[in-house]
């Protein structure tokens, strides 16, 4: 089963007004599809933060599936 890296990102402003992207959490999820991986990561994030809606702590979800080279090294 493929493994996906799912990150929860929050955009924050510094004291000069410049925006920065801050990673709130990262999950490595094994799932049959990217959609399932994101859903599973959302559940894990909510459980970790003890909330029902992940958007309380993050603005966006980023994801990455392993490249062919990474899959070859893993096997």
PDB file of N, CA and C in Angstrom:
ATOM      1  N   UNK A   1       0.850  -1.174   0.000  1.00  0.00           N
ATOM      2  CA  UNK A   1       0.000   0.000   0.000  1.00  0.00           C
ATOM      3  C   UNK A   1       0.900   1.243   0.000  1.00  0.00           C
ATOM      4  N   UNK A   2       0.559   2.242  -0.818  1.00  0.00           N
ATOM      5  CA  UNK A   2       1.396   3.453  -0.872  1.00  0.00           C
ATOM      6  C   UNK A   2       1.349   4.251   0.433  1.00  0.00           C
ATOM      7  N   UNK A   3       2.404   4.996   0.639  1.00  0.00           N
ATOM      8  CA  UNK A   3       2.510   5.857   1.815  1.00  0.00           C
ATOM      9  C   UNK A   3       2.521   7.307   1.342  1.00  0.00           C
ATOM     10  N   UNK A   4       1.803   8.170   2.047  1.00  0.00           N
ATOM     11  CA  UNK A   4       1.707   9.585   1.698  1.00  0.00           C
ATOM     12  C   UNK A   4       2.109  10.432   2.896  1.00  0.00           C
ATOM     13  N   UNK A   5       2.763  11.543   2.622  1.00  0.00           N
ATOM     14  CA  UNK A   5       3.077  12.508   3.676  1.00  0.00           C
ATOM     15  C   UNK A   5       2.045  13.627   3.593  1.00  0.00           C
ATOM     16  N   UNK A   6       1.334  13.859   4.692  1.00  0.00           N
ATOM     17  CA  UNK A   6       0.288  14.883   4.744  1.00  0.00           C
ATOM     18  C   UNK A   6       0.679  15.902   5.807  1.00  0.00           C
ATOM     19  N   UNK A   7       0.714  17.174   5.404  1.00  0.00           N
ATOM     20  CA  UNK A   7       1.098  18.255   6.323  1.00  0.00           C
ATOM     21  C   UNK A   7      -0.053  19.240   6.474  1.00  0.00           C
ATOM     22  N   UNK A   8      -0.236  19.721   7.685  1.00  0.00           N
ATOM     23  CA  UNK A   8      -1.252  20.736   7.973  1.00  0.00           C
ATOM     24  C   UNK A   8      -0.536  22.063   8.165  1.00  0.00           C
ATOM     25  N   UNK A   9      -0.932  23.066   7.388  1.00  0.00           N
ATOM     26  CA  UNK A   9      -0.220  24.341   7.314  1.00  0.00           C
ATOM     27  C   UNK A   9      -1.108  25.486   7.790  1.00  0.00           C
ATOM     28  N   UNK A  10      -0.526  26.403   8.547  1.00  0.00           N
ATOM     29  CA  UNK A  10      -1.189  27.630   8.989  1.00  0.00           C
ATOM     30  C   UNK A  10      -0.360  28.811   8.502  1.00  0.00           C
ATOM     31  N   UNK A  11      -1.011  29.781   7.878  1.00  0.00           N
ATOM     32  CA  UNK A  11      -0.327  31.001   7.461  1.00  0.00           C
ATOM     33  C   UNK A  11      -0.432  32.011   8.594  1.00  0.00           C
ATOM     34  N   UNK A  12       0.717  32.502   9.037  1.00  0.00           N
ATOM     35  CA  UNK A  12       0.780  33.448  10.150  1.00  0.00           C
ATOM     36  C   UNK A  12       1.577  34.681   9.727  1.00  0.00           C
ATOM     37  N   UNK A  13       1.308  35.795  10.382  1.00  0.00           N
ATOM     38  CA  UNK A  13       2.044  37.031  10.114  1.00  0.00           C
ATOM     39  C   UNK A  13       3.072  37.260  11.206  1.00  0.00           C
ATOM     40  N   UNK A  14       4.240  37.747  10.804  1.00  0.00           N
ATOM     41  CA  UNK A  14       5.237  38.106  11.800  1.00  0.00           C
ATOM     42  C   UNK A  14       5.015  39.554  12.248  1.00  0.00           C
ATOM     43  N   UNK A  15       5.894  40.068  13.071  1.00  0.00           N
ATOM     44  CA  UNK A  15       5.711  41.406  13.618  1.00  0.00           C
ATOM     45  C   UNK A  15       5.868  42.521  12.585  1.00  0.00           C
ATOM     46  N   UNK A  16       6.356  42.179  11.392  1.00  0.00           N
ATOM     47  CA  UNK A  16       6.471  43.185  10.330  1.00  0.00           C
ATOM     48  C   UNK A  16       5.335  43.071   9.308  1.00  0.00           C
ATOM     49  N   UNK A  17       4.417  42.134   9.537  1.00  0.00           N
ATOM     50  CA  UNK A  17       3.288  41.953   8.633  1.00  0.00           C
ATOM     51  C   UNK A  17       3.530  40.970   7.504  1.00  0.00           C
ATOM     52  N   UNK A  18       4.704  40.365   7.465  1.00  0.00           N
ATOM     53  CA  UNK A  18       5.000  39.382   6.423  1.00  0.00           C
ATOM     54  C   UNK A  18       4.384  38.033   6.782  1.00  0.00           C
ATOM     55  N   UNK A  19       3.801  37.383   5.789  1.00  0.00           N
ATOM     56  CA  UNK A  19       3.186  36.083   6.012  1.00  0.00           C
ATOM     57  C   UNK A  19       4.222  34.962   5.900  1.00  0.00           C
ATOM     58  N   UNK A  20       4.039  33.972   6.753  1.00  0.00           N
ATOM     59  CA  UNK A  20       4.887  32.782   6.746  1.00  0.00           C
ATOM     60  C   UNK A  20       3.983  31.566   6.896  1.00  0.00           C
ATOM     61  N   UNK A  21       4.425  30.468   6.307  1.00  0.00           N
ATOM     62  CA  UNK A  21       3.669  29.219   6.418  1.00  0.00           C
ATOM     63  C   UNK A  21       4.291  28.374   7.530  1.00  0.00           C
ATOM     64  N   UNK A  22       3.483  28.017   8.498  1.00  0.00           N
ATOM     65  CA  UNK A  22       3.958  27.227   9.630  1.00  0.00           C
ATOM     66  C   UNK A  22       3.293  25.854   9.600  1.00  0.00           C
ATOM     67  N   UNK A  23       4.105  24.826   9.665  1.00  0.00           N
ATOM     68  CA  UNK A  23       3.578  23.465   9.688  1.00  0.00           C
ATOM     69  C   UNK A  23       3.064  23.162  11.103  1.00  0.00           C
ATOM     70  N   UNK A  24       1.802  22.793  11.198  1.00  0.00           N
ATOM     71  CA  UNK A  24       1.184  22.480  12.480  1.00  0.00           C
ATOM     72  C   UNK A  24       1.352  21.011  12.855  1.00  0.00           C
ATOM     73  N   UNK A  25       1.425  20.141  11.840  1.00  0.00           N
ATOM     74  CA  UNK A  25       1.615  18.707  12.079  1.00  0.00           C
ATOM     75  C   UNK A  25       1.896  18.021  10.753  1.00  0.00           C
ATOM     76  N   UNK A  26       2.620  16.919  10.824  1.00  0.00           N
ATOM     77  CA  UNK A  26       2.900  16.096   9.653  1.00  0.00           C
ATOM     78  C   UNK A  26       2.575  14.651   9.991  1.00  0.00           C
ATOM     79  N   UNK A  27       1.909  13.984   9.068  1.00  0.00           N
ATOM     80  CA  UNK A  27       1.554  12.577   9.245  1.00  0.00           C
ATOM     81  C   UNK A  27       2.009  11.795   8.028  1.00  0.00           C
ATOM     82  N   UNK A  28       2.571  10.623   8.249  1.00  0.00           N
ATOM     83  CA  UNK A  28       2.849   9.693   7.176  1.00  0.00           C
ATOM     84  C   UNK A  28       1.771   8.628   7.256  1.00  0.00           C
ATOM     85  N   UNK A  29       1.002   8.524   6.166  1.00  0.00           N
ATOM     86  CA  UNK A  29      -0.192   7.682   6.175  1.00  0.00           C
ATOM     87  C   UNK A  29      -0.107   6.660   5.055  1.00  0.00           C
ATOM     88  N   UNK A  30      -0.361   5.405   5.390  1.00  0.00           N
ATOM     89  CA  UNK A  30      -0.488   4.375   4.370  1.00  0.00           C
ATOM     90  C   UNK A  30      -1.962   4.280   3.996  1.00  0.00           C
ATOM     91  N   UNK A  31      -2.243   4.423   2.700  1.00  0.00           N
ATOM     92  CA  UNK A  31      -3.623   4.397   2.236  1.00  0.00           C
ATOM     93  C   UNK A  31      -3.639   3.995   0.764  1.00  0.00           C
ATOM     94  N   UNK A  32      -4.760   3.461   0.299  1.00  0.00           N
ATOM     95  CA  UNK A  32      -4.834   3.049  -1.105  1.00  0.00           C
ATOM     96  C   UNK A  32      -4.861   4.224  -2.091  1.00  0.00           C
ATOM     97  N   UNK A  33      -5.256   5.413  -1.608  1.00  0.00           N
ATOM     98  CA  UNK A  33      -5.328   6.578  -2.500  1.00  0.00           C
ATOM     99  C   UNK A  33      -4.980   7.843  -1.722  1.00  0.00           C
ATOM    100  N   UNK A  34      -4.703   8.884  -2.461  1.00  0.00           N
ATOM    101  CA  UNK A  34      -4.405  10.176  -1.848  1.00  0.00           C
ATOM    102  C   UNK A  34      -5.601  10.692  -1.061  1.00  0.00           C
ATOM    103  N   UNK A  35      -6.795  10.546  -1.604  1.00  0.00           N
ATOM    104  CA  UNK A  35      -8.012  10.994  -0.922  1.00  0.00           C
ATOM    105  C   UNK A  35      -8.155  10.304   0.431  1.00  0.00           C
ATOM    106  N   UNK A  36      -7.950   9.000   0.460  1.00  0.00           N
ATOM    107  CA  UNK A  36      -8.038   8.260   1.728  1.00  0.00           C
ATOM    108  C   UNK A  36      -6.943   8.693   2.690  1.00  0.00           C
ATOM    109  N   UNK A  37      -5.759   8.962   2.176  1.00  0.00           N
ATOM    110  CA  UNK A  37      -4.653   9.395   3.036  1.00  0.00           C
ATOM    111  C   UNK A  37      -4.976  10.722   3.707  1.00  0.00           C
ATOM    112  N   UNK A  38      -5.512  11.669   2.952  1.00  0.00           N
ATOM    113  CA  UNK A  38      -5.852  12.972   3.532  1.00  0.00           C
ATOM    114  C   UNK A  38      -6.953  12.808   4.567  1.00  0.00           C
ATOM    115  N   UNK A  39      -7.959  12.013   4.276  1.00  0.00           N
ATOM    116  CA  UNK A  39      -9.046  11.779   5.254  1.00  0.00           C
ATOM    117  C   UNK A  39      -8.511  11.172   6.544  1.00  0.00           C
ATOM    118  N   UNK A  40      -7.639  10.187   6.407  1.00  0.00           N
ATOM    119  CA  UNK A  40      -7.066   9.554   7.609  1.00  0.00           C
ATOM    120  C   UNK A  40      -6.211  10.544   8.396  1.00  0.00           C
ATOM    121  N   UNK A  41      -5.451  11.360   7.701  1.00  0.00           N
ATOM    122  CA  UNK A  41      -4.620  12.360   8.377  1.00  0.00           C
ATOM    123  C   UNK A  41      -5.494  13.393   9.088  1.00  0.00           C
ATOM    124  N   UNK A  42      -6.600  13.791   8.469  1.00  0.00           N
ATOM    125  CA  UNK A  42      -7.514  14.735   9.119  1.00  0.00           C
ATOM    126  C   UNK A  42      -8.050  14.154  10.422  1.00  0.00           C
ATOM    127  N   UNK A  43      -8.415  12.888  10.407  1.00  0.00           N
ATOM    128  CA  UNK A  43      -8.915  12.230  11.621  1.00  0.00           C
ATOM    129  C   UNK A  43      -7.817  12.197  12.683  1.00  0.00           C
ATOM    130  N   UNK A  44      -6.607  11.829  12.287  1.00  0.00           N
ATOM    131  CA  UNK A  44      -5.487  11.782  13.243  1.00  0.00           C
ATOM    132  C   UNK A  44      -5.176  13.167  13.811  1.00  0.00           C
ATOM    133  N   UNK A  45      -5.200  14.189  12.954  1.00  0.00           N
ATOM    134  CA  UNK A  45      -4.927  15.556  13.399  1.00  0.00           C
ATOM    135  C   UNK A  45      -5.969  16.000  14.418  1.00  0.00           C
ATOM    136  N   UNK A  46      -7.237  15.767  14.116  1.00  0.00           N
ATOM    137  CA  UNK A  46      -8.310  16.157  15.044  1.00  0.00           C
ATOM    138  C   UNK A  46      -8.195  15.409  16.366  1.00  0.00           C
ATOM    139  N   UNK A  47      -7.845  14.143  16.302  1.00  0.00           N
ATOM    140  CA  UNK A  47      -7.675  13.360  17.531  1.00  0.00           C
ATOM    141  C   UNK A  47      -6.510  13.920  18.351  1.00  0.00           C
ATOM    142  N   UNK A  48      -5.408  14.241  17.676  1.00  0.00           N
ATOM    143  CA  UNK A  48      -4.220  14.764  18.360  1.00  0.00           C
ATOM    144  C   UNK A  48      -4.505  16.107  19.025  1.00  0.00           C
ATOM    145  N   UNK A  49      -5.226  16.974  18.333  1.00  0.00           N
ATOM    146  CA  UNK A  49      -5.521  18.317  18.852  1.00  0.00           C
ATOM    147  C   UNK A  49      -6.800  18.361  19.686  1.00  0.00           C
ATOM    148  N   UNK A  50      -7.516  17.255  19.725  1.00  0.00           N
ATOM    149  CA  UNK A  50      -8.776  17.143  20.469  1.00  0.00           C
ATOM    150  C   UNK A  50      -9.802  18.169  19.995  1.00  0.00           C
ATOM    151  N   UNK A  51      -9.993  18.219  18.669  1.00  0.00           N
ATOM    152  CA  UNK A  51     -10.987  19.096  18.044  1.00  0.00           C
ATOM    153  C   UNK A  51     -11.785  18.285  17.033  1.00  0.00           C
ATOM    154  N   UNK A  52     -12.900  18.855  16.576  1.00  0.00           N
ATOM    155  CA  UNK A  52     -13.720  18.195  15.565  1.00  0.00           C
ATOM    156  C   UNK A  52     -13.463  18.740  14.166  1.00  0.00           C
ATOM    157  N   UNK A  53     -12.772  19.869  14.065  1.00  0.00           N
ATOM    158  CA  UNK A  53     -12.543  20.521  12.779  1.00  0.00           C
ATOM    159  C   UNK A  53     -11.086  20.964  12.697  1.00  0.00           C
ATOM    160  N   UNK A  54     -10.321  20.372  11.795  1.00  0.00           N
ATOM    161  CA  UNK A  54      -8.893  20.660  11.695  1.00  0.00           C
ATOM    162  C   UNK A  54      -8.612  22.102  11.290  1.00  0.00           C
ATOM    163  N   UNK A  55      -9.594  22.794  10.676  1.00  0.00           N
ATOM    164  CA  UNK A  55      -9.361  24.167  10.218  1.00  0.00           C
ATOM    165  C   UNK A  55      -9.260  25.163  11.370  1.00  0.00           C
ATOM    166  N   UNK A  56      -9.504  24.717  12.579  1.00  0.00           N
ATOM    167  CA  UNK A  56      -9.282  25.577  13.749  1.00  0.00           C
ATOM    168  C   UNK A  56      -7.785  25.868  13.899  1.00  0.00           C
ATOM    169  N   UNK A  57      -6.947  24.883  13.559  1.00  0.00           N
ATOM    170  CA  UNK A  57      -5.502  25.005  13.742  1.00  0.00           C
ATOM    171  C   UNK A  57      -4.726  25.181  12.444  1.00  0.00           C
ATOM    172  N   UNK A  58      -5.346  24.936  11.303  1.00  0.00           N
ATOM    173  CA  UNK A  58      -4.611  24.992  10.035  1.00  0.00           C
ATOM    174  C   UNK A  58      -5.490  25.589   8.940  1.00  0.00           C
ATOM    175  N   UNK A  59      -4.819  26.175   7.937  1.00  0.00           N
ATOM    176  CA  UNK A  59      -5.512  26.770   6.800  1.00  0.00           C
ATOM    177  C   UNK A  59      -5.542  25.846   5.586  1.00  0.00           C
ATOM    178  N   UNK A  60      -4.565  24.970   5.500  1.00  0.00           N
ATOM    179  CA  UNK A  60      -4.411  24.168   4.293  1.00  0.00           C
ATOM    180  C   UNK A  60      -3.793  22.815   4.613  1.00  0.00           C
ATOM    181  N   UNK A  61      -3.978  21.904   3.675  1.00  0.00           N
ATOM    182  CA  UNK A  61      -3.359  20.584   3.756  1.00  0.00           C
ATOM    183  C   UNK A  61      -2.449  20.443   2.540  1.00  0.00           C
ATOM    184  N   UNK A  62      -1.218  20.050   2.782  1.00  0.00           N
ATOM    185  CA  UNK A  62      -0.283  19.730   1.703  1.00  0.00           C
ATOM    186  C   UNK A  62      -0.039  18.232   1.744  1.00  0.00           C
ATOM    187  N   UNK A  63       0.211  17.664   0.614  1.00  0.00           N
ATOM    188  CA  UNK A  63       0.454  16.230   0.581  1.00  0.00           C
ATOM    189  C   UNK A  63       1.516  15.916  -0.451  1.00  0.00           C
ATOM    190  N   UNK A  64       2.132  14.779  -0.240  1.00  0.00           N
ATOM    191  CA  UNK A  64       3.184  14.339  -1.156  1.00  0.00           C
ATOM    192  C   UNK A  64       3.154  12.826  -1.188  1.00  0.00           C
ATOM    193  N   UNK A  65       3.132  12.304  -2.371  1.00  0.00           N
ATOM    194  CA  UNK A  65       3.254  10.860  -2.514  1.00  0.00           C
ATOM    195  C   UNK A  65       4.712  10.550  -2.818  1.00  0.00           C
ATOM    196  N   UNK A  66       5.154   9.359  -2.500  1.00  0.00           N
ATOM    197  CA  UNK A  66       6.561   9.032  -2.731  1.00  0.00           C
ATOM    198  C   UNK A  66       6.874   9.004  -4.225  1.00  0.00           C
ATOM    199  N   UNK A  67       8.061   9.436  -4.572  1.00  0.00           N
ATOM    200  CA  UNK A  67       8.498   9.366  -5.963  1.00  0.00           C
ATOM    201  C   UNK A  67       8.872   7.926  -6.295  1.00  0.00           C
ATOM    202  N   UNK A  68       9.048   7.656  -7.553  1.00  0.00           N
ATOM    203  CA  UNK A  68       9.439   6.307  -7.980  1.00  0.00           C
ATOM    204  C   UNK A  68      10.774   5.919  -7.356  1.00  0.00           C
ATOM    205  N   UNK A  69      11.701   6.866  -7.255  1.00  0.00           N
ATOM    206  CA  UNK A  69      13.004   6.570  -6.661  1.00  0.00           C
ATOM    207  C   UNK A  69      12.863   6.216  -5.181  1.00  0.00           C
ATOM    208  N   UNK A  70      12.037   6.983  -4.453  1.00  0.00           N
ATOM    209  CA  UNK A  70      11.836   6.670  -3.030  1.00  0.00           C
ATOM    210  C   UNK A  70      11.196   5.299  -2.852  1.00  0.00           C
ATOM    211  N   UNK A  71      10.248   4.959  -3.719  1.00  0.00           N
ATOM    212  CA  UNK A  71       9.607   3.630  -3.637  1.00  0.00           C
ATOM    213  C   UNK A  71      10.628   2.539  -3.912  1.00  0.00           C
ATOM    214  N   UNK A  72      11.533   2.774  -4.853  1.00  0.00           N
ATOM    215  CA  UNK A  72      12.543   1.762  -5.183  1.00  0.00           C
ATOM    216  C   UNK A  72      13.491   1.553  -4.007  1.00  0.00           C
ATOM    217  N   UNK A  73      13.881   2.614  -3.317  1.00  0.00           N
ATOM    218  CA  UNK A  73      14.783   2.500  -2.170  1.00  0.00           C
ATOM    219  C   UNK A  73      14.107   1.794  -1.005  1.00  0.00           C
ATOM    220  N   UNK A  74      12.790   1.977  -0.875  1.00  0.00           N
ATOM    221  CA  UNK A  74      12.062   1.390   0.253  1.00  0.00           C
ATOM    222  C   UNK A  74      11.886  -0.125   0.092  1.00  0.00           C
ATOM    223  N   UNK A  75      11.920  -0.603  -1.134  1.00  0.00           N
ATOM    224  CA  UNK A  75      11.693  -2.049  -1.330  1.00  0.00           C
ATOM    225  C   UNK A  75      12.955  -2.847  -1.379  1.00  0.00           C
TER     226      UNK A  75
END
